N, C-alpha and C. Protein backbone atom coordinates (compact mmCIF):
# COMPACT_ATOMS: atom_id res chain seq x y z
N UNK A 1 -22.32 -37.83 -51.78
CA UNK A 1 -20.95 -37.49 -52.03
C UNK A 1 -20.85 -35.97 -51.95
N UNK A 2 -19.83 -35.51 -51.30
CA UNK A 2 -19.67 -34.06 -51.17
C UNK A 2 -18.98 -33.51 -52.39
N UNK A 3 -19.08 -32.23 -52.57
CA UNK A 3 -18.47 -31.58 -53.73
C UNK A 3 -16.96 -31.72 -53.67
N UNK A 4 -16.40 -31.63 -52.48
CA UNK A 4 -14.96 -31.73 -52.34
C UNK A 4 -14.49 -33.13 -52.73
N UNK A 5 -15.20 -34.16 -52.32
CA UNK A 5 -14.83 -35.53 -52.66
C UNK A 5 -14.95 -35.75 -54.16
N UNK A 6 -16.00 -35.23 -54.76
CA UNK A 6 -16.22 -35.37 -56.19
C UNK A 6 -15.11 -34.66 -56.97
N UNK A 7 -14.74 -33.45 -56.54
CA UNK A 7 -13.70 -32.70 -57.23
C UNK A 7 -12.36 -33.42 -57.12
N UNK A 8 -12.09 -34.02 -56.00
CA UNK A 8 -10.85 -34.77 -55.82
C UNK A 8 -10.83 -36.00 -56.72
N UNK A 9 -11.96 -36.66 -56.83
CA UNK A 9 -12.04 -37.85 -57.68
C UNK A 9 -11.82 -37.48 -59.14
N UNK A 10 -12.43 -36.38 -59.59
CA UNK A 10 -12.26 -35.95 -60.98
C UNK A 10 -10.83 -35.57 -61.23
N UNK A 11 -10.20 -34.91 -60.30
CA UNK A 11 -8.81 -34.50 -60.44
C UNK A 11 -7.90 -35.72 -60.54
N UNK A 12 -8.14 -36.73 -59.75
CA UNK A 12 -7.32 -37.94 -59.79
C UNK A 12 -7.51 -38.70 -61.11
N UNK A 13 -8.76 -38.76 -61.59
CA UNK A 13 -9.03 -39.49 -62.83
C UNK A 13 -8.38 -38.79 -64.00
N UNK A 14 -8.48 -37.46 -64.06
CA UNK A 14 -7.92 -36.74 -65.20
C UNK A 14 -6.40 -36.71 -65.16
N UNK A 15 -5.83 -36.70 -64.00
CA UNK A 15 -4.37 -36.65 -63.93
C UNK A 15 -3.75 -38.01 -64.24
N UNK A 16 -4.47 -39.09 -64.01
CA UNK A 16 -3.90 -40.40 -64.26
C UNK A 16 -4.30 -40.97 -65.62
N UNK A 17 -5.22 -40.33 -66.31
CA UNK A 17 -5.67 -40.85 -67.61
C UNK A 17 -4.53 -40.77 -68.61
N UNK A 18 -4.26 -41.86 -69.27
CA UNK A 18 -3.24 -41.92 -70.30
C UNK A 18 -1.86 -42.23 -69.78
N UNK A 19 -1.62 -42.21 -68.48
CA UNK A 19 -0.27 -42.49 -68.01
C UNK A 19 0.00 -43.98 -68.00
N UNK A 20 -0.86 -44.78 -67.41
CA UNK A 20 -0.74 -46.24 -67.44
C UNK A 20 -2.13 -46.80 -67.66
N UNK A 21 -2.27 -47.74 -68.58
CA UNK A 21 -3.61 -48.21 -68.92
C UNK A 21 -4.27 -49.01 -67.82
N UNK A 22 -3.57 -49.61 -66.87
CA UNK A 22 -4.18 -50.52 -65.91
C UNK A 22 -4.49 -49.86 -64.58
N UNK A 23 -4.38 -48.52 -64.46
CA UNK A 23 -4.61 -47.87 -63.17
C UNK A 23 -6.09 -47.68 -62.93
N UNK A 24 -6.48 -47.87 -61.67
CA UNK A 24 -7.86 -47.59 -61.28
C UNK A 24 -7.83 -46.64 -60.08
N UNK A 25 -8.85 -45.87 -60.00
CA UNK A 25 -8.93 -44.90 -58.91
C UNK A 25 -10.08 -45.32 -58.01
N UNK A 26 -9.83 -45.33 -56.72
CA UNK A 26 -10.87 -45.69 -55.75
C UNK A 26 -11.62 -44.44 -55.35
N UNK A 27 -12.91 -44.50 -55.49
CA UNK A 27 -13.76 -43.38 -55.11
C UNK A 27 -14.64 -43.89 -53.99
N UNK A 28 -14.74 -43.12 -52.91
CA UNK A 28 -15.56 -43.60 -51.78
C UNK A 28 -17.02 -43.68 -52.18
N UNK A 29 -17.74 -44.65 -51.64
CA UNK A 29 -19.16 -44.77 -51.98
C UNK A 29 -19.93 -43.55 -51.48
N UNK A 30 -20.98 -43.16 -52.22
CA UNK A 30 -21.74 -41.96 -51.85
C UNK A 30 -22.50 -42.12 -50.55
N UNK A 31 -22.73 -43.30 -50.10
CA UNK A 31 -23.50 -43.48 -48.87
C UNK A 31 -22.68 -43.19 -47.62
N UNK A 32 -21.37 -43.11 -47.77
CA UNK A 32 -20.52 -42.91 -46.58
C UNK A 32 -20.59 -41.44 -46.17
N UNK A 33 -20.81 -41.19 -44.92
CA UNK A 33 -20.90 -39.84 -44.39
C UNK A 33 -19.50 -39.23 -44.25
N UNK A 34 -19.38 -37.95 -44.43
CA UNK A 34 -18.06 -37.33 -44.29
C UNK A 34 -17.55 -37.46 -42.86
N UNK A 35 -16.24 -37.56 -42.76
CA UNK A 35 -15.63 -37.73 -41.43
C UNK A 35 -15.48 -36.37 -40.75
N UNK A 36 -15.68 -36.41 -39.48
CA UNK A 36 -15.43 -35.20 -38.69
C UNK A 36 -14.21 -35.45 -37.83
N UNK A 37 -13.39 -34.45 -37.73
CA UNK A 37 -12.17 -34.57 -36.93
C UNK A 37 -12.41 -33.87 -35.61
N UNK A 38 -12.14 -34.56 -34.53
CA UNK A 38 -12.28 -33.94 -33.21
C UNK A 38 -10.91 -33.46 -32.75
N UNK A 39 -10.83 -32.25 -32.21
CA UNK A 39 -9.54 -31.74 -31.77
C UNK A 39 -9.01 -32.55 -30.58
N UNK A 40 -7.69 -32.64 -30.47
CA UNK A 40 -7.14 -33.38 -29.34
C UNK A 40 -7.53 -32.73 -28.03
N UNK A 41 -7.62 -33.56 -27.02
CA UNK A 41 -8.00 -33.06 -25.70
C UNK A 41 -6.90 -32.16 -25.18
N UNK A 42 -7.30 -31.06 -24.59
CA UNK A 42 -6.31 -30.13 -24.02
C UNK A 42 -6.37 -30.21 -22.51
N UNK A 43 -5.22 -29.97 -21.91
CA UNK A 43 -5.20 -29.95 -20.44
C UNK A 43 -5.73 -28.61 -19.98
N UNK A 44 -6.53 -28.64 -18.95
CA UNK A 44 -7.10 -27.38 -18.47
C UNK A 44 -5.98 -26.48 -17.93
N UNK A 45 -6.15 -25.18 -18.11
CA UNK A 45 -5.16 -24.21 -17.62
C UNK A 45 -5.14 -24.23 -16.10
N UNK A 46 -3.94 -24.01 -15.57
CA UNK A 46 -3.81 -23.97 -14.11
C UNK A 46 -4.60 -22.79 -13.57
N UNK A 47 -5.29 -22.97 -12.48
CA UNK A 47 -6.08 -21.87 -11.94
C UNK A 47 -5.16 -20.75 -11.46
N UNK A 48 -5.61 -19.51 -11.61
CA UNK A 48 -4.83 -18.35 -11.15
C UNK A 48 -4.77 -18.36 -9.63
N UNK A 49 -3.65 -17.89 -9.06
CA UNK A 49 -3.58 -17.84 -7.60
C UNK A 49 -4.72 -17.00 -7.04
N UNK A 50 -5.20 -17.41 -5.89
CA UNK A 50 -6.35 -16.74 -5.29
C UNK A 50 -6.03 -15.29 -4.91
N UNK A 51 -4.81 -15.04 -4.43
CA UNK A 51 -4.46 -13.68 -4.02
C UNK A 51 -3.26 -13.22 -4.82
N UNK A 52 -3.50 -12.32 -5.75
CA UNK A 52 -2.40 -11.71 -6.50
C UNK A 52 -2.17 -10.33 -5.95
N UNK A 53 -0.89 -9.98 -5.80
CA UNK A 53 -0.56 -8.66 -5.29
C UNK A 53 -0.91 -7.62 -6.36
N UNK A 54 -1.54 -6.53 -5.97
CA UNK A 54 -1.87 -5.51 -6.96
C UNK A 54 -0.60 -4.86 -7.48
N UNK A 55 -0.63 -4.46 -8.73
CA UNK A 55 0.54 -3.81 -9.32
C UNK A 55 0.77 -2.48 -8.63
N UNK A 56 2.05 -2.22 -8.27
CA UNK A 56 2.37 -0.96 -7.59
C UNK A 56 2.47 0.14 -8.63
N UNK A 57 1.76 1.19 -8.41
CA UNK A 57 1.83 2.31 -9.34
C UNK A 57 2.82 3.34 -8.80
N UNK A 58 3.40 4.10 -9.72
CA UNK A 58 4.37 5.12 -9.34
C UNK A 58 3.65 6.23 -8.61
N UNK A 59 4.24 6.68 -7.51
CA UNK A 59 3.66 7.78 -6.74
C UNK A 59 3.80 9.07 -7.53
N UNK A 60 2.72 9.75 -7.69
CA UNK A 60 2.75 11.04 -8.38
C UNK A 60 3.05 12.13 -7.37
N UNK A 61 3.81 13.14 -7.80
CA UNK A 61 4.13 14.26 -6.92
C UNK A 61 2.87 15.02 -6.54
N UNK A 62 2.89 15.58 -5.33
CA UNK A 62 1.76 16.39 -4.88
C UNK A 62 1.77 17.71 -5.63
N UNK A 63 0.65 18.34 -5.72
CA UNK A 63 0.57 19.63 -6.41
C UNK A 63 0.92 20.74 -5.43
N UNK A 64 2.19 20.73 -5.05
CA UNK A 64 2.68 21.73 -4.11
C UNK A 64 4.14 22.03 -4.39
N UNK A 65 4.57 23.19 -3.95
CA UNK A 65 5.96 23.60 -4.11
C UNK A 65 6.68 23.52 -2.78
N UNK A 66 7.97 23.32 -2.86
CA UNK A 66 8.81 23.26 -1.66
C UNK A 66 9.96 24.25 -1.83
N UNK A 67 10.13 25.11 -0.85
CA UNK A 67 11.22 26.08 -0.87
C UNK A 67 12.41 25.46 -0.13
N UNK A 68 13.55 25.43 -0.81
CA UNK A 68 14.76 24.86 -0.23
C UNK A 68 15.78 25.98 -0.09
N UNK A 69 16.32 26.13 1.14
CA UNK A 69 17.27 27.20 1.43
C UNK A 69 18.57 26.60 1.96
N UNK A 70 19.67 27.10 1.47
CA UNK A 70 21.00 26.69 1.93
C UNK A 70 21.71 27.90 2.51
N UNK A 71 22.37 27.70 3.64
CA UNK A 71 23.27 28.71 4.21
C UNK A 71 24.63 28.05 4.33
N UNK A 72 25.59 28.60 3.61
CA UNK A 72 26.96 28.05 3.62
C UNK A 72 27.82 29.01 4.43
N UNK A 73 28.42 28.51 5.49
CA UNK A 73 29.29 29.31 6.34
C UNK A 73 30.72 28.86 6.12
N UNK A 74 31.57 29.78 5.70
CA UNK A 74 32.97 29.49 5.38
C UNK A 74 33.84 30.25 6.37
N UNK A 75 34.60 29.52 7.17
CA UNK A 75 35.45 30.17 8.17
C UNK A 75 36.88 29.68 8.05
N UNK A 76 37.82 30.62 8.09
CA UNK A 76 39.25 30.31 8.07
C UNK A 76 39.85 30.74 9.40
N UNK A 77 40.25 29.77 10.19
CA UNK A 77 40.86 30.08 11.50
C UNK A 77 39.94 30.90 12.36
N UNK A 78 40.46 31.99 12.89
CA UNK A 78 39.67 32.85 13.78
C UNK A 78 39.09 34.05 13.05
N UNK A 79 39.21 34.09 11.72
CA UNK A 79 38.66 35.20 10.94
C UNK A 79 37.13 35.18 11.00
N UNK A 80 36.53 36.32 10.69
CA UNK A 80 35.08 36.42 10.66
C UNK A 80 34.54 35.51 9.55
N UNK A 81 33.55 34.66 9.88
CA UNK A 81 33.02 33.75 8.86
C UNK A 81 32.32 34.50 7.72
N UNK A 82 32.43 33.92 6.54
CA UNK A 82 31.73 34.42 5.36
C UNK A 82 30.51 33.53 5.14
N UNK A 83 29.37 34.16 4.86
CA UNK A 83 28.15 33.37 4.64
C UNK A 83 27.65 33.57 3.22
N UNK A 84 27.18 32.48 2.63
CA UNK A 84 26.56 32.49 1.32
C UNK A 84 25.18 31.84 1.49
N UNK A 85 24.18 32.42 0.85
CA UNK A 85 22.84 31.82 0.92
C UNK A 85 22.31 31.57 -0.48
N UNK A 86 21.64 30.46 -0.62
CA UNK A 86 20.98 30.09 -1.87
C UNK A 86 19.57 29.66 -1.52
N UNK A 87 18.64 29.94 -2.42
CA UNK A 87 17.27 29.52 -2.19
C UNK A 87 16.62 29.23 -3.53
N UNK A 88 15.84 28.17 -3.59
CA UNK A 88 15.11 27.84 -4.80
C UNK A 88 13.80 27.16 -4.44
N UNK A 89 12.83 27.30 -5.31
CA UNK A 89 11.52 26.68 -5.11
C UNK A 89 11.34 25.62 -6.18
N UNK A 90 10.98 24.41 -5.73
CA UNK A 90 10.88 23.26 -6.63
C UNK A 90 9.56 22.54 -6.35
N UNK A 91 8.90 22.06 -7.38
CA UNK A 91 7.68 21.27 -7.23
C UNK A 91 8.01 19.92 -6.61
N UNK A 92 7.09 19.38 -5.83
CA UNK A 92 7.26 18.08 -5.20
C UNK A 92 7.61 17.01 -6.23
N UNK A 93 8.62 16.22 -5.93
CA UNK A 93 9.05 15.08 -6.75
C UNK A 93 9.67 15.51 -8.08
N UNK A 94 10.20 16.74 -8.13
CA UNK A 94 10.92 17.23 -9.30
C UNK A 94 12.32 17.69 -8.88
N UNK A 95 13.10 18.16 -9.83
CA UNK A 95 14.48 18.55 -9.56
C UNK A 95 14.68 20.01 -9.94
N UNK A 96 15.45 20.72 -9.11
CA UNK A 96 15.81 22.10 -9.39
C UNK A 96 17.32 22.26 -9.29
N UNK A 97 17.86 23.26 -9.95
CA UNK A 97 19.31 23.47 -9.96
C UNK A 97 19.63 24.95 -10.01
N UNK A 98 20.74 25.32 -9.38
CA UNK A 98 21.30 26.66 -9.48
C UNK A 98 22.73 26.50 -9.94
N UNK A 99 23.14 27.29 -10.92
CA UNK A 99 24.52 27.29 -11.41
C UNK A 99 25.03 28.72 -11.38
N UNK A 100 26.06 28.97 -10.57
CA UNK A 100 26.70 30.28 -10.57
C UNK A 100 28.20 30.07 -10.69
N UNK A 101 28.86 31.05 -11.27
CA UNK A 101 30.31 30.90 -11.48
C UNK A 101 30.93 32.29 -11.58
N UNK A 102 32.06 32.47 -10.92
CA UNK A 102 32.81 33.73 -11.00
C UNK A 102 34.19 33.45 -11.57
N UNK A 103 34.69 34.40 -12.31
CA UNK A 103 36.05 34.30 -12.82
C UNK A 103 36.92 35.28 -12.03
N UNK A 104 38.02 34.79 -11.53
CA UNK A 104 38.91 35.61 -10.72
C UNK A 104 40.22 35.82 -11.48
N UNK A 105 40.68 37.04 -11.48
CA UNK A 105 41.90 37.40 -12.19
C UNK A 105 43.06 36.53 -11.70
N UNK A 106 43.79 35.94 -12.65
CA UNK A 106 44.95 35.08 -12.41
C UNK A 106 44.59 33.79 -11.65
N UNK A 107 43.33 33.42 -11.65
CA UNK A 107 42.90 32.17 -11.01
C UNK A 107 41.87 31.49 -11.91
N UNK A 108 41.51 30.28 -11.55
CA UNK A 108 40.48 29.56 -12.29
C UNK A 108 39.10 30.10 -11.98
N UNK A 109 38.11 29.59 -12.71
CA UNK A 109 36.72 29.93 -12.41
C UNK A 109 36.33 29.30 -11.08
N UNK A 110 35.45 29.99 -10.36
CA UNK A 110 35.01 29.52 -9.04
C UNK A 110 33.51 29.25 -9.11
N UNK A 111 33.07 27.98 -8.97
CA UNK A 111 31.64 27.67 -9.07
C UNK A 111 30.96 27.60 -7.70
N UNK A 112 29.66 27.84 -7.72
CA UNK A 112 28.77 27.58 -6.59
C UNK A 112 27.51 26.98 -7.22
N UNK A 113 27.39 25.65 -7.14
CA UNK A 113 26.32 24.92 -7.82
C UNK A 113 25.55 24.07 -6.82
N UNK A 114 24.25 23.95 -7.04
CA UNK A 114 23.43 23.08 -6.20
C UNK A 114 22.32 22.46 -7.05
N UNK A 115 22.04 21.18 -6.78
CA UNK A 115 20.91 20.44 -7.37
C UNK A 115 20.09 19.88 -6.22
N UNK A 116 18.77 20.02 -6.29
CA UNK A 116 17.91 19.50 -5.23
C UNK A 116 16.77 18.68 -5.82
N UNK A 117 16.33 17.66 -5.06
CA UNK A 117 15.19 16.83 -5.44
C UNK A 117 14.35 16.57 -4.18
N UNK A 118 13.34 17.40 -3.90
CA UNK A 118 12.51 17.18 -2.71
C UNK A 118 11.32 16.27 -3.00
N UNK A 119 10.98 15.46 -2.01
CA UNK A 119 9.79 14.60 -2.10
C UNK A 119 9.00 14.76 -0.80
N UNK A 120 7.74 15.16 -0.91
CA UNK A 120 6.87 15.31 0.24
C UNK A 120 6.38 13.93 0.67
N UNK A 121 6.64 13.57 1.93
CA UNK A 121 6.25 12.25 2.44
C UNK A 121 4.85 12.31 3.04
N UNK A 122 4.26 11.14 3.27
CA UNK A 122 2.87 11.07 3.74
C UNK A 122 2.71 11.66 5.14
N UNK A 123 3.79 11.68 5.95
CA UNK A 123 3.68 12.24 7.30
C UNK A 123 3.97 13.74 7.34
N UNK A 124 4.14 14.38 6.17
CA UNK A 124 4.39 15.82 6.12
C UNK A 124 5.86 16.19 6.10
N UNK A 125 6.74 15.22 6.35
CA UNK A 125 8.17 15.50 6.30
C UNK A 125 8.62 15.51 4.84
N UNK A 126 9.85 15.96 4.64
CA UNK A 126 10.37 16.09 3.28
C UNK A 126 11.66 15.29 3.16
N UNK A 127 11.70 14.42 2.16
CA UNK A 127 12.96 13.74 1.84
C UNK A 127 13.65 14.59 0.79
N UNK A 128 14.86 15.05 1.12
CA UNK A 128 15.58 15.96 0.24
C UNK A 128 16.91 15.34 -0.15
N UNK A 129 17.10 15.17 -1.45
CA UNK A 129 18.39 14.78 -1.98
C UNK A 129 19.03 16.01 -2.60
N UNK A 130 20.32 16.22 -2.32
CA UNK A 130 20.97 17.38 -2.94
C UNK A 130 22.44 17.12 -3.22
N UNK A 131 22.94 17.83 -4.21
CA UNK A 131 24.37 17.87 -4.55
C UNK A 131 24.79 19.33 -4.47
N UNK A 132 25.92 19.57 -3.83
CA UNK A 132 26.42 20.93 -3.67
C UNK A 132 27.88 20.97 -4.05
N UNK A 133 28.25 21.92 -4.88
CA UNK A 133 29.65 22.16 -5.22
C UNK A 133 29.96 23.60 -4.88
N UNK A 134 30.93 23.76 -3.99
CA UNK A 134 31.28 25.11 -3.53
C UNK A 134 32.80 25.21 -3.49
N UNK A 135 33.34 26.12 -4.25
CA UNK A 135 34.78 26.37 -4.25
C UNK A 135 34.99 27.84 -3.92
N UNK A 136 35.99 28.10 -3.11
CA UNK A 136 36.28 29.48 -2.79
C UNK A 136 37.78 29.64 -2.62
N UNK A 137 38.35 30.60 -3.33
CA UNK A 137 39.80 30.77 -3.23
C UNK A 137 40.21 31.42 -1.91
N UNK A 138 41.43 31.19 -1.52
CA UNK A 138 41.97 31.84 -0.32
C UNK A 138 42.09 33.34 -0.60
N UNK A 139 41.88 34.16 0.42
CA UNK A 139 41.99 35.60 0.20
C UNK A 139 43.43 35.98 -0.17
N UNK A 140 43.55 36.87 -1.12
CA UNK A 140 44.86 37.31 -1.58
C UNK A 140 45.00 38.79 -1.26
N UNK A 141 46.05 39.13 -0.56
CA UNK A 141 46.28 40.54 -0.23
C UNK A 141 46.99 41.20 -1.41
N UNK A 142 46.48 42.36 -1.83
CA UNK A 142 47.10 43.04 -2.97
C UNK A 142 48.56 43.39 -2.69
N UNK A 143 49.39 43.18 -3.71
CA UNK A 143 50.80 43.51 -3.61
C UNK A 143 51.66 42.49 -2.89
N UNK A 144 51.04 41.46 -2.30
CA UNK A 144 51.81 40.45 -1.58
C UNK A 144 52.06 39.25 -2.48
N UNK A 145 53.23 38.72 -2.38
CA UNK A 145 53.58 37.51 -3.12
C UNK A 145 52.99 36.30 -2.38
N UNK A 146 52.45 35.34 -3.13
CA UNK A 146 51.91 34.13 -2.52
C UNK A 146 53.08 33.16 -2.35
N UNK A 147 53.37 32.77 -1.10
CA UNK A 147 54.49 31.85 -0.89
C UNK A 147 54.22 30.47 -1.48
N UNK A 148 55.28 29.80 -1.89
CA UNK A 148 55.15 28.44 -2.43
C UNK A 148 54.54 27.53 -1.36
N UNK A 149 53.69 26.62 -1.80
CA UNK A 149 53.05 25.68 -0.87
C UNK A 149 51.80 26.22 -0.21
N UNK A 150 51.40 27.44 -0.54
CA UNK A 150 50.19 28.02 0.05
C UNK A 150 48.94 27.42 -0.59
N UNK A 151 47.90 27.26 0.21
CA UNK A 151 46.61 26.80 -0.31
C UNK A 151 45.93 28.00 -0.96
N UNK A 152 45.65 27.89 -2.23
CA UNK A 152 45.00 29.00 -2.94
C UNK A 152 43.51 28.77 -3.18
N UNK A 153 43.11 27.53 -3.11
CA UNK A 153 41.70 27.24 -3.39
C UNK A 153 41.36 25.87 -2.82
N UNK A 154 40.15 25.75 -2.26
CA UNK A 154 39.67 24.47 -1.75
C UNK A 154 38.26 24.27 -2.27
N UNK A 155 37.97 23.06 -2.72
CA UNK A 155 36.64 22.74 -3.23
C UNK A 155 35.89 21.85 -2.27
N UNK A 156 34.60 22.10 -2.14
CA UNK A 156 33.72 21.27 -1.30
C UNK A 156 32.65 20.68 -2.22
N UNK A 157 32.47 19.38 -2.16
CA UNK A 157 31.45 18.68 -2.95
C UNK A 157 30.66 17.79 -1.99
N UNK A 158 29.40 18.09 -1.79
CA UNK A 158 28.54 17.31 -0.90
C UNK A 158 27.42 16.68 -1.72
N UNK A 159 27.10 15.43 -1.41
CA UNK A 159 25.98 14.73 -2.03
C UNK A 159 25.26 13.97 -0.91
N UNK A 160 24.05 14.41 -0.57
CA UNK A 160 23.36 13.87 0.61
C UNK A 160 21.88 13.65 0.34
N UNK A 161 21.28 12.80 1.18
CA UNK A 161 19.83 12.64 1.24
C UNK A 161 19.43 12.75 2.70
N UNK A 162 18.43 13.57 2.99
CA UNK A 162 18.00 13.85 4.36
C UNK A 162 16.49 13.76 4.48
N UNK A 163 16.03 13.55 5.71
CA UNK A 163 14.62 13.69 6.03
C UNK A 163 14.51 14.95 6.88
N UNK A 164 13.73 15.92 6.42
CA UNK A 164 13.60 17.21 7.10
C UNK A 164 12.16 17.47 7.51
N UNK A 165 12.00 18.20 8.62
CA UNK A 165 10.69 18.69 8.99
C UNK A 165 10.50 20.03 8.30
N UNK A 166 9.31 20.26 7.80
CA UNK A 166 9.03 21.49 7.07
C UNK A 166 9.31 22.72 7.93
N UNK A 167 10.14 23.63 7.41
CA UNK A 167 10.44 24.89 8.09
C UNK A 167 11.54 24.83 9.12
N UNK A 168 12.14 23.66 9.37
CA UNK A 168 13.19 23.55 10.39
C UNK A 168 14.55 23.34 9.73
N UNK A 169 15.54 24.12 10.18
CA UNK A 169 16.90 24.03 9.64
C UNK A 169 17.65 22.84 10.22
N UNK A 170 18.59 22.33 9.45
CA UNK A 170 19.45 21.23 9.91
C UNK A 170 20.84 21.43 9.33
N UNK A 171 21.87 21.24 10.17
CA UNK A 171 23.23 21.26 9.65
C UNK A 171 23.43 19.94 8.93
N UNK A 172 23.60 20.01 7.61
CA UNK A 172 23.69 18.81 6.79
C UNK A 172 25.12 18.32 6.65
N UNK A 173 26.09 19.24 6.65
CA UNK A 173 27.49 18.81 6.45
C UNK A 173 28.43 19.85 7.02
N UNK A 174 29.56 19.36 7.52
CA UNK A 174 30.67 20.21 7.94
C UNK A 174 31.92 19.64 7.31
N UNK A 175 32.61 20.47 6.55
CA UNK A 175 33.80 20.00 5.84
C UNK A 175 35.02 20.75 6.36
N UNK A 176 36.11 20.03 6.51
CA UNK A 176 37.37 20.64 6.94
C UNK A 176 38.33 20.63 5.78
N UNK A 177 39.11 21.70 5.67
CA UNK A 177 40.15 21.78 4.65
C UNK A 177 41.19 20.71 4.96
N UNK A 178 41.61 19.92 3.96
CA UNK A 178 42.57 18.85 4.23
C UNK A 178 43.96 19.36 4.61
N UNK A 179 44.25 20.63 4.35
CA UNK A 179 45.58 21.17 4.67
C UNK A 179 45.49 22.36 5.62
N UNK A 180 44.66 23.33 5.30
CA UNK A 180 44.59 24.57 6.07
C UNK A 180 43.60 24.48 7.22
N UNK A 181 43.24 25.68 7.73
CA UNK A 181 42.33 25.76 8.88
C UNK A 181 40.94 26.21 8.47
N UNK A 182 40.58 25.95 7.27
CA UNK A 182 39.28 26.34 6.75
C UNK A 182 38.22 25.31 7.12
N UNK A 183 37.02 25.78 7.46
CA UNK A 183 35.90 24.89 7.76
C UNK A 183 34.65 25.44 7.08
N UNK A 184 33.93 24.56 6.39
CA UNK A 184 32.70 24.95 5.69
C UNK A 184 31.53 24.17 6.28
N UNK A 185 30.49 24.90 6.67
CA UNK A 185 29.29 24.28 7.22
C UNK A 185 28.12 24.55 6.27
N UNK A 186 27.35 23.50 5.97
CA UNK A 186 26.18 23.63 5.09
C UNK A 186 24.93 23.36 5.92
N UNK A 187 24.07 24.38 5.99
CA UNK A 187 22.81 24.26 6.71
C UNK A 187 21.69 24.32 5.68
N UNK A 188 20.69 23.45 5.83
CA UNK A 188 19.61 23.38 4.84
C UNK A 188 18.26 23.41 5.53
N UNK A 189 17.31 24.05 4.87
CA UNK A 189 15.93 24.11 5.37
C UNK A 189 15.00 23.92 4.18
N UNK A 190 13.99 23.08 4.36
CA UNK A 190 12.98 22.87 3.31
C UNK A 190 11.62 23.20 3.91
N UNK A 191 10.82 23.97 3.18
CA UNK A 191 9.53 24.41 3.69
C UNK A 191 8.46 24.14 2.64
N UNK A 192 7.39 23.45 3.03
CA UNK A 192 6.26 23.21 2.13
C UNK A 192 5.48 24.52 2.01
N UNK A 193 5.27 24.95 0.77
CA UNK A 193 4.52 26.20 0.54
C UNK A 193 3.06 25.86 0.32
N UNK A 194 2.20 26.58 0.99
CA UNK A 194 0.75 26.34 0.88
C UNK A 194 0.16 27.18 -0.22
């Protein structure tokens, strides 16, 4: 008889003593071997597929910098074009930004903003995403009254993604004024720095 069986029998005898005089407690014979419980049969797990696609890891940026240059050409009619240039150096697979702003007397603030995100591709080309905001007011002649209905300011907002060859310029956008004769051209060049 095991200790557990004996303890159970003693517990049953003591708990029932005195409650009813005719109760008897059955105790298993000591010659009986303890029972063993076998776990239920489990179904085998389905085999893993023979070819699992490897997990794609995120591409890390190369340890190199990329110089991004913008040339903005602003022309009104046959007047001499005005050029603005911006340049910034950004690490591969990161983002860079330039924020400039001028305040003009009796006019709103005039921004010139750019955000760039260059990624160096395996073939040496550069995928460049950029946002450009360029506003420029119409020229005002001192002492002259501005006639009603005149265009005083035009804003240009470009958001593009391009594939560029390192060191080669590309005209990325040409914008026309919706009312006047103004035209803005954005040229961009990205160069991998060694």
